[in-house]
């Protein structure tokens, strides 16, 4: 058992101040469904926890004007069941409804969900790192130690966005849907407030896979903002996993379409379960523009999305699985055009 201090500030400004005062080893916590897990595995070892669940004004769902705004403390289950989101943006509701278990969705917040860490077996089962005598090196957990997944058991690893230092998959469903819709997050820190595109929140592993997010020390996410788009209602989040519930994606696709009859005016496609970050498939989107959508074209677009994929030892199946996941998602979304 590792000792830590705990505070529960009432305002966002007080939370920022508490983090700054705590110094090294401070962590924000809300639902705790990720952080507590990592603490039990001894991957995270916080010395100070700043509980933000009492902060006012961060738990609202607003659909108005030209945007949707979700406070960072809104539970995942609340957005998944919101009638307006279900009707106008099924891709958002489905990405949350198909994540984790109902119990976890009731606890987990949509802000914290964006900051999940990978489910890579070597990252999670090698706590302590090579400096503690562990036999599974992991550059995310112990920078510079190596990556046991490269050449190792890589069935669940990424086929897009890898580097020579890391092949770990970005685990979330919700971030994939947000990337497809060009969402951004509002963050607050000691330097004030700023906005970051969700697509830019995640860092490719490169040579520094332990640096996963584009947040400054002490910054916290306060809200998620999604621009309204006509493609919202003609959308879906389609996920393939080893079992129907409480499982992470082997491949997933968030798709939103703006259609003119059967012709695609604009497509938005993002991929999950196959890349080191939530992956926007811009080439696949371009391949559909101005064309009549058919199952054959949808599958061709899926293959375009994986044209640059690089399989490892055991995860090559993800390329064809991912392409077919994109194709199925496109046809599901297109079917909602006439609904």
Protein backbone atom coordinates (compact mmCIF):
# COMPACT_ATOMS: atom_id res chain seq x y z
CA UNK A 1 0.00 0.00 0.00
CA UNK A 2 1.41 3.37 -1.03
CA UNK A 3 0.37 6.43 0.96
CA UNK A 4 -1.10 9.43 -0.84
CA UNK A 5 -2.85 12.66 0.10
CA UNK A 6 -6.39 13.48 -1.05
CA UNK A 7 -8.27 16.75 -1.58
CA UNK A 8 -11.68 17.50 -3.10
CA UNK A 9 -11.79 21.12 -4.31
CA UNK A 10 -15.09 22.82 -5.15
CA UNK A 11 -13.99 24.84 -8.21
CA UNK A 12 -11.85 24.26 -11.27
CA UNK A 13 -9.51 27.07 -10.24
CA UNK A 14 -9.05 25.49 -6.82
CA UNK A 15 -8.29 22.15 -8.44
CA UNK A 16 -5.57 23.74 -10.56
CA UNK A 17 -4.11 25.42 -7.48
CA UNK A 18 -4.20 22.17 -5.53
CA UNK A 19 -2.32 20.38 -8.31
CA UNK A 20 0.34 23.09 -8.43
CA UNK A 21 0.73 23.04 -4.66
CA UNK A 22 1.00 19.25 -4.54
CA UNK A 23 3.93 19.19 -6.95
CA UNK A 24 5.44 16.01 -8.37
CA UNK A 25 3.24 12.95 -8.22
CA UNK A 26 -0.12 14.76 -8.35
CA UNK A 27 -3.01 13.30 -10.36
CA UNK A 28 -6.57 14.41 -11.04
CA UNK A 29 -9.25 11.82 -10.41
CA UNK A 30 -12.96 11.66 -11.25
CA UNK A 31 -14.60 8.26 -11.83
CA UNK A 32 -11.28 6.55 -11.15
CA UNK A 33 -12.01 3.59 -13.40
CA UNK A 34 -8.64 3.92 -15.14
CA UNK A 35 -6.42 5.42 -12.46
CA UNK A 36 -7.37 3.00 -9.68
CA UNK A 37 -6.74 0.12 -12.06
CA UNK A 38 -3.25 1.39 -12.87
CA UNK A 39 -2.54 2.05 -9.19
CA UNK A 40 -3.37 -1.57 -8.37
CA UNK A 41 -0.94 -2.67 -11.08
CA UNK A 42 1.69 -0.30 -9.62
CA UNK A 43 2.03 1.44 -12.98
CA UNK A 44 0.70 4.71 -11.56
CA UNK A 45 2.07 5.72 -8.15
CA UNK A 46 0.45 9.06 -7.32
CA UNK A 47 1.46 10.89 -4.17
CA UNK A 48 -1.46 13.32 -4.28
CA UNK A 49 -4.98 12.82 -5.64
CA UNK A 50 -7.10 15.84 -6.56
CA UNK A 51 -10.73 14.69 -6.78
CA UNK A 52 -12.59 16.95 -9.24
CA UNK A 53 -16.04 15.41 -8.86
CA UNK A 54 -17.27 18.30 -6.69
CA UNK A 55 -16.33 20.96 -9.25
CA UNK A 56 -19.46 22.82 -10.36
CA UNK A 57 -20.39 23.34 -14.02
CA UNK A 58 -18.60 20.34 -15.51
CA UNK A 59 -21.47 17.86 -15.59
CA UNK A 60 -23.87 19.29 -18.19
CA UNK A 61 -24.94 18.07 -21.65
CA UNK A 62 -25.78 21.00 -23.94
CA UNK A 63 -27.06 20.75 -27.51
CA UNK A 64 -27.56 24.25 -28.81
CA UNK A 65 -26.41 26.71 -31.44
CA UNK A 66 -23.79 25.28 -33.72
CA UNK A 67 -22.26 22.81 -31.27
CA UNK A 68 -22.73 20.06 -28.72
CA UNK A 69 -20.95 20.61 -25.42
CA UNK A 70 -20.31 17.89 -22.87
CA UNK A 71 -18.86 18.69 -19.46
CA UNK A 72 -15.87 16.53 -18.64
CA UNK A 73 -17.62 15.07 -15.58
CA UNK A 74 -20.66 13.75 -17.48
CA UNK A 75 -20.84 9.96 -17.02
CA UNK A 76 -20.42 7.91 -20.18
CA UNK A 77 -23.82 6.30 -19.63
CA UNK A 78 -25.60 9.68 -19.59
CA UNK A 79 -24.51 10.61 -23.12
CA UNK A 80 -25.09 7.06 -24.38
CA UNK A 81 -28.73 7.34 -23.27
CA UNK A 82 -29.39 10.99 -24.12
CA UNK A 83 -32.36 11.18 -26.57
CA UNK A 84 -30.96 14.15 -28.50
CA UNK A 85 -27.56 12.54 -28.98
CA UNK A 86 -29.11 9.20 -29.93
CA UNK A 87 -31.30 10.89 -32.54
CA UNK A 88 -28.88 13.43 -34.01
CA UNK A 89 -25.45 11.86 -33.37
CA UNK A 90 -25.74 8.07 -33.00
CA UNK A 91 -21.98 7.71 -33.60
CA UNK A 92 -21.35 9.43 -30.25
CA UNK A 93 -23.96 7.48 -28.30
CA UNK A 94 -22.90 4.14 -29.79
CA UNK A 95 -19.20 4.69 -29.10
CA UNK A 96 -20.02 5.05 -25.40
CA UNK A 97 -22.72 2.38 -25.20
CA UNK A 98 -20.33 -0.21 -26.67
CA UNK A 99 -17.50 0.58 -24.27
CA UNK A 100 -16.82 -1.28 -21.02
CA UNK A 101 -19.64 -2.58 -18.79
CA UNK A 102 -22.77 -0.74 -17.64
CA UNK A 103 -21.31 -0.40 -14.15
CA UNK A 104 -18.15 1.22 -15.48
CA UNK A 105 -20.11 3.48 -17.84
CA UNK A 106 -22.10 4.72 -14.84
CA UNK A 107 -18.88 5.70 -13.04
CA UNK A 108 -16.48 6.69 -15.81
CA UNK A 109 -16.52 10.28 -17.05
CA UNK A 110 -16.21 11.36 -20.67
CA UNK A 111 -13.24 13.60 -19.85
CA UNK A 112 -11.32 10.87 -18.08
CA UNK A 113 -12.18 8.39 -20.81
CA UNK A 114 -10.12 10.43 -23.25
CA UNK A 115 -7.02 9.80 -21.15
CA UNK A 116 -7.12 6.01 -20.95
CA UNK A 117 -3.77 4.32 -21.26
CA UNK A 118 -3.11 1.33 -23.47
CA UNK A 119 -4.22 -2.22 -22.74
CA UNK A 120 -0.96 -3.63 -24.18
CA UNK A 121 -0.18 -6.84 -22.30
CA UNK A 122 3.44 -5.87 -21.78
CA UNK A 123 2.57 -2.42 -20.45
CA UNK A 124 -0.02 -3.69 -17.99
CA UNK A 125 1.60 -6.95 -16.92
CA UNK A 126 5.12 -5.70 -16.45
CA UNK A 127 4.69 -3.27 -13.55
CA UNK A 128 7.93 -2.08 -12.05
CA UNK A 129 9.85 -2.04 -15.33
CA UNK A 130 13.20 -3.55 -16.17
CA UNK A 131 14.84 -1.43 -13.47
CA UNK A 132 12.85 -3.54 -10.96
CA UNK A 133 13.94 -6.79 -12.61
CA UNK A 134 10.87 -7.25 -14.78
CA UNK A 135 11.35 -9.42 -17.85
CA UNK A 136 8.94 -7.42 -20.06
CA UNK A 137 10.47 -4.17 -21.28
CA UNK A 138 8.02 -1.39 -22.17
CA UNK A 139 9.01 2.07 -23.32
CA UNK A 140 5.69 3.55 -22.19
CA UNK A 141 6.19 2.34 -18.65
CA UNK A 142 9.98 2.46 -18.42
CA UNK A 143 11.40 4.83 -21.13
CA UNK A 144 14.40 3.44 -22.94
CA UNK A 145 13.86 -0.15 -21.79
CA UNK A 146 12.61 -1.45 -25.16
CA UNK A 147 9.35 -2.88 -26.47
CA UNK A 148 8.62 -6.54 -25.81
CA UNK A 149 5.63 -6.47 -28.17
CA UNK A 150 7.88 -5.97 -31.20
CA UNK A 151 8.60 -9.54 -32.22
CA UNK A 152 6.54 -10.80 -29.28
CA UNK A 153 2.86 -11.52 -28.69
CA UNK A 154 1.34 -8.79 -30.87
CA UNK A 155 -2.15 -10.05 -31.77
CA UNK A 156 -3.74 -6.94 -30.29
CA UNK A 157 -1.10 -4.44 -31.35
CA UNK A 158 -1.38 -1.60 -33.87
CA UNK A 159 -0.93 -1.88 -37.62
CA UNK A 160 -1.01 1.90 -38.14
CA UNK A 161 1.10 4.62 -36.51
CA UNK A 162 3.68 2.35 -34.89
CA UNK A 163 7.31 3.23 -34.32
CA UNK A 164 10.48 1.32 -33.55
CA UNK A 165 9.78 2.11 -29.89
CA UNK A 166 6.11 1.14 -29.50
CA UNK A 167 3.22 -0.63 -31.23
CA UNK A 168 0.58 -0.25 -28.50
CA UNK A 169 -3.00 0.39 -29.58
CA UNK A 170 -4.90 3.45 -28.42
CA UNK A 171 -7.74 1.78 -26.45
CA UNK A 172 -10.69 4.17 -26.55
CA UNK A 173 -13.98 4.09 -28.46
CA UNK A 174 -15.26 7.58 -27.57
CA UNK A 175 -12.11 9.37 -28.88
CA UNK A 176 -12.51 7.68 -32.26
CA UNK A 177 -16.03 9.04 -32.68
CA UNK A 178 -14.89 12.51 -31.58
CA UNK A 179 -12.01 12.53 -34.08
CA UNK A 180 -14.42 11.66 -36.88
CA UNK A 181 -16.54 14.71 -35.98
CA UNK A 182 -13.63 17.18 -35.57
CA UNK A 183 -14.31 17.67 -31.88
CA UNK A 184 -12.07 19.63 -29.55
CA UNK A 185 -11.51 19.72 -25.80
CA UNK A 186 -11.40 22.72 -23.51
CA UNK A 187 -8.59 22.49 -20.97
CA UNK A 188 -7.62 24.60 -17.98
CA UNK A 189 -4.23 24.98 -16.37
CA UNK A 190 -1.99 27.43 -14.58
CA UNK A 191 -1.52 29.37 -17.83
CA UNK A 192 -5.28 29.69 -18.33
CA UNK A 193 -7.77 28.08 -20.67
CA UNK A 194 -7.12 26.77 -24.17
CA UNK A 195 -8.63 24.49 -26.80
CA UNK A 196 -7.09 21.37 -28.37
CA UNK A 197 -8.50 19.34 -31.25
CA UNK A 198 -9.15 15.79 -30.03
CA UNK A 199 -7.08 14.55 -32.96
CA UNK A 200 -4.15 16.61 -31.64
CA UNK A 201 -4.58 15.50 -28.04
CA UNK A 202 -2.85 12.19 -28.82
CA UNK A 203 0.83 11.85 -29.66
CA UNK A 204 2.24 9.26 -32.03
CA UNK A 205 4.76 7.12 -30.15
CA UNK A 206 7.85 8.08 -32.15
CA UNK A 207 10.88 7.81 -29.88
CA UNK A 208 8.97 8.95 -26.79
CA UNK A 209 5.94 6.65 -26.37
CA UNK A 210 5.68 7.53 -22.66
CA UNK A 211 4.54 11.01 -23.70
CA UNK A 212 1.01 10.13 -24.77
CA UNK A 213 -1.03 13.34 -24.53
CA UNK A 214 -0.57 16.98 -25.49
CA UNK A 215 -1.44 18.30 -22.05
CA UNK A 216 0.83 20.53 -20.03
CA UNK A 217 1.68 19.70 -16.43
CA UNK A 218 -1.37 20.36 -14.27
CA UNK A 219 -3.86 20.91 -17.11
CA UNK A 220 -7.23 19.20 -16.91
CA UNK A 221 -9.97 18.69 -19.48
CA UNK A 222 -13.08 20.67 -18.55
CA UNK A 223 -15.34 20.07 -21.57
CA UNK A 224 -15.65 18.37 -24.95
CA UNK A 225 -17.12 20.37 -27.84
CA UNK A 226 -18.47 18.82 -31.05
CA UNK A 227 -19.35 21.04 -34.05
CA UNK A 228 -22.81 20.30 -35.37
CA UNK A 229 -22.85 18.73 -38.82
CA UNK A 230 -25.57 17.41 -41.17
CA UNK A 231 -23.59 14.15 -41.19
CA UNK A 232 -24.36 13.59 -37.50
CA UNK A 233 -27.66 11.78 -37.99
CA UNK A 234 -26.23 9.62 -40.78
CA UNK A 235 -23.56 8.06 -38.60
CA UNK A 236 -22.54 4.97 -36.66
CA UNK A 237 -19.83 3.49 -34.48
CA UNK A 238 -19.16 -0.11 -35.47
CA UNK A 239 -16.92 -2.28 -33.32
CA UNK A 240 -15.52 -5.79 -33.68
CA UNK A 241 -14.15 -7.46 -30.56
CA UNK A 242 -13.51 -10.91 -29.12
CA UNK A 243 -16.78 -10.88 -27.18
CA UNK A 244 -19.95 -8.81 -27.36
CA UNK A 245 -19.57 -6.84 -24.14
CA UNK A 246 -16.82 -5.46 -21.93
CA UNK A 247 -14.10 -5.92 -24.51
CA UNK A 248 -11.74 -3.61 -26.35
CA UNK A 249 -11.90 -3.30 -30.11
CA UNK A 250 -9.87 -5.46 -32.44
CA UNK A 251 -11.08 -3.03 -35.10
CA UNK A 252 -13.66 -0.26 -35.06
CA UNK A 253 -14.86 2.53 -37.31
CA UNK A 254 -16.67 5.79 -36.62
CA UNK A 255 -18.43 6.93 -39.79
CA UNK A 256 -20.55 10.00 -40.52
CA UNK A 257 -21.90 10.73 -44.01
CA UNK A 258 -23.43 13.70 -45.74
CA UNK A 259 -25.42 12.26 -48.65
CA UNK A 260 -27.26 13.54 -51.70
CA UNK A 261 -29.55 10.62 -52.41
CA UNK A 262 -27.15 7.71 -52.86
CA UNK A 263 -24.15 9.94 -53.57
CA UNK A 264 -21.60 10.73 -50.88
CA UNK A 265 -21.09 14.48 -50.58
CA UNK A 266 -18.71 14.14 -47.63
CA UNK A 267 -17.49 11.22 -45.56
CA UNK A 268 -15.90 11.24 -42.14
CA UNK A 269 -14.08 8.07 -41.10
CA UNK A 270 -11.98 7.35 -38.03
CA UNK A 271 -10.49 4.04 -36.96
CA UNK A 272 -10.04 2.43 -33.56
CA UNK A 273 -8.40 -0.75 -32.30
CA UNK A 274 -5.85 -0.72 -35.10
CA UNK A 275 -3.63 2.32 -34.52
CA UNK A 276 -1.47 3.90 -31.83
CA UNK A 277 -3.78 6.94 -31.78
CA UNK A 278 -7.41 7.48 -32.86
CA UNK A 279 -6.83 7.38 -36.62
CA UNK A 280 -8.53 9.60 -39.20
CA UNK A 281 -8.76 7.84 -42.57
CA UNK A 282 -8.62 10.90 -44.82
CA UNK A 283 -7.60 9.02 -47.97
CA UNK A 284 -10.59 6.70 -47.59
CA UNK A 285 -12.85 9.71 -47.12
CA UNK A 286 -11.54 11.29 -50.33
CA UNK A 287 -12.07 8.07 -52.27
CA UNK A 288 -15.82 8.30 -51.60
CA UNK A 289 -16.49 11.94 -52.39
CA UNK A 290 -18.94 12.47 -55.25
CA UNK A 291 -19.53 8.76 -55.80
CA UNK A 292 -22.58 6.54 -55.38
CA UNK A 293 -22.07 4.36 -52.34
CA UNK A 294 -22.27 0.63 -52.98
CA UNK A 295 -21.00 -2.32 -50.93
CA UNK A 296 -18.16 -2.71 -53.41
CA UNK A 297 -17.13 0.94 -53.12
CA UNK A 298 -17.41 0.78 -49.34
CA UNK A 299 -15.02 -2.18 -49.20
CA UNK A 300 -12.63 -0.44 -51.59
CA UNK A 301 -12.62 2.58 -49.26
CA UNK A 302 -11.89 0.23 -46.37
CA UNK A 303 -8.85 -1.09 -48.18
CA UNK A 304 -7.70 2.48 -48.89
CA UNK A 305 -7.89 3.18 -45.16
CA UNK A 306 -5.36 0.40 -44.52
CA UNK A 307 -3.09 0.99 -47.51
CA UNK A 308 -0.20 2.04 -45.23
CA UNK A 309 -0.73 -0.64 -42.58
CA UNK A 310 2.31 -2.55 -41.36
CA UNK A 311 1.49 -5.88 -39.70
CA UNK A 312 3.64 -7.60 -37.12
CA UNK A 313 3.90 -11.30 -36.36
CA UNK A 314 0.32 -12.10 -35.36
CA UNK A 315 -1.82 -9.04 -36.10
CA UNK A 316 -1.95 -9.06 -39.91
CA UNK A 317 -5.59 -10.17 -39.71
CA UNK A 318 -6.45 -6.64 -38.57
CA UNK A 319 -5.91 -5.24 -42.06
CA UNK A 320 -8.70 -7.17 -43.76
CA UNK A 321 -10.84 -7.11 -40.60
CA UNK A 322 -10.41 -3.35 -40.39
CA UNK A 323 -11.24 -2.81 -44.06
CA UNK A 324 -14.44 -4.84 -43.71
CA UNK A 325 -15.30 -3.00 -40.49
CA UNK A 326 -15.07 0.30 -42.37
CA UNK A 327 -17.21 -1.12 -45.20
CA UNK A 328 -19.91 -2.34 -42.83
CA UNK A 329 -19.92 0.96 -40.95
CA UNK A 330 -20.33 2.91 -44.19
CA UNK A 331 -23.34 0.86 -45.21
CA UNK A 332 -24.93 1.11 -41.76
CA UNK A 333 -24.49 4.89 -41.76
CA UNK A 334 -25.81 5.18 -45.32
CA UNK A 335 -28.90 3.20 -44.31
CA UNK A 336 -29.69 5.91 -41.79
CA UNK A 337 -29.76 8.52 -44.54
CA UNK A 338 -33.28 7.47 -45.49
CA UNK A 339 -34.43 6.91 -41.92
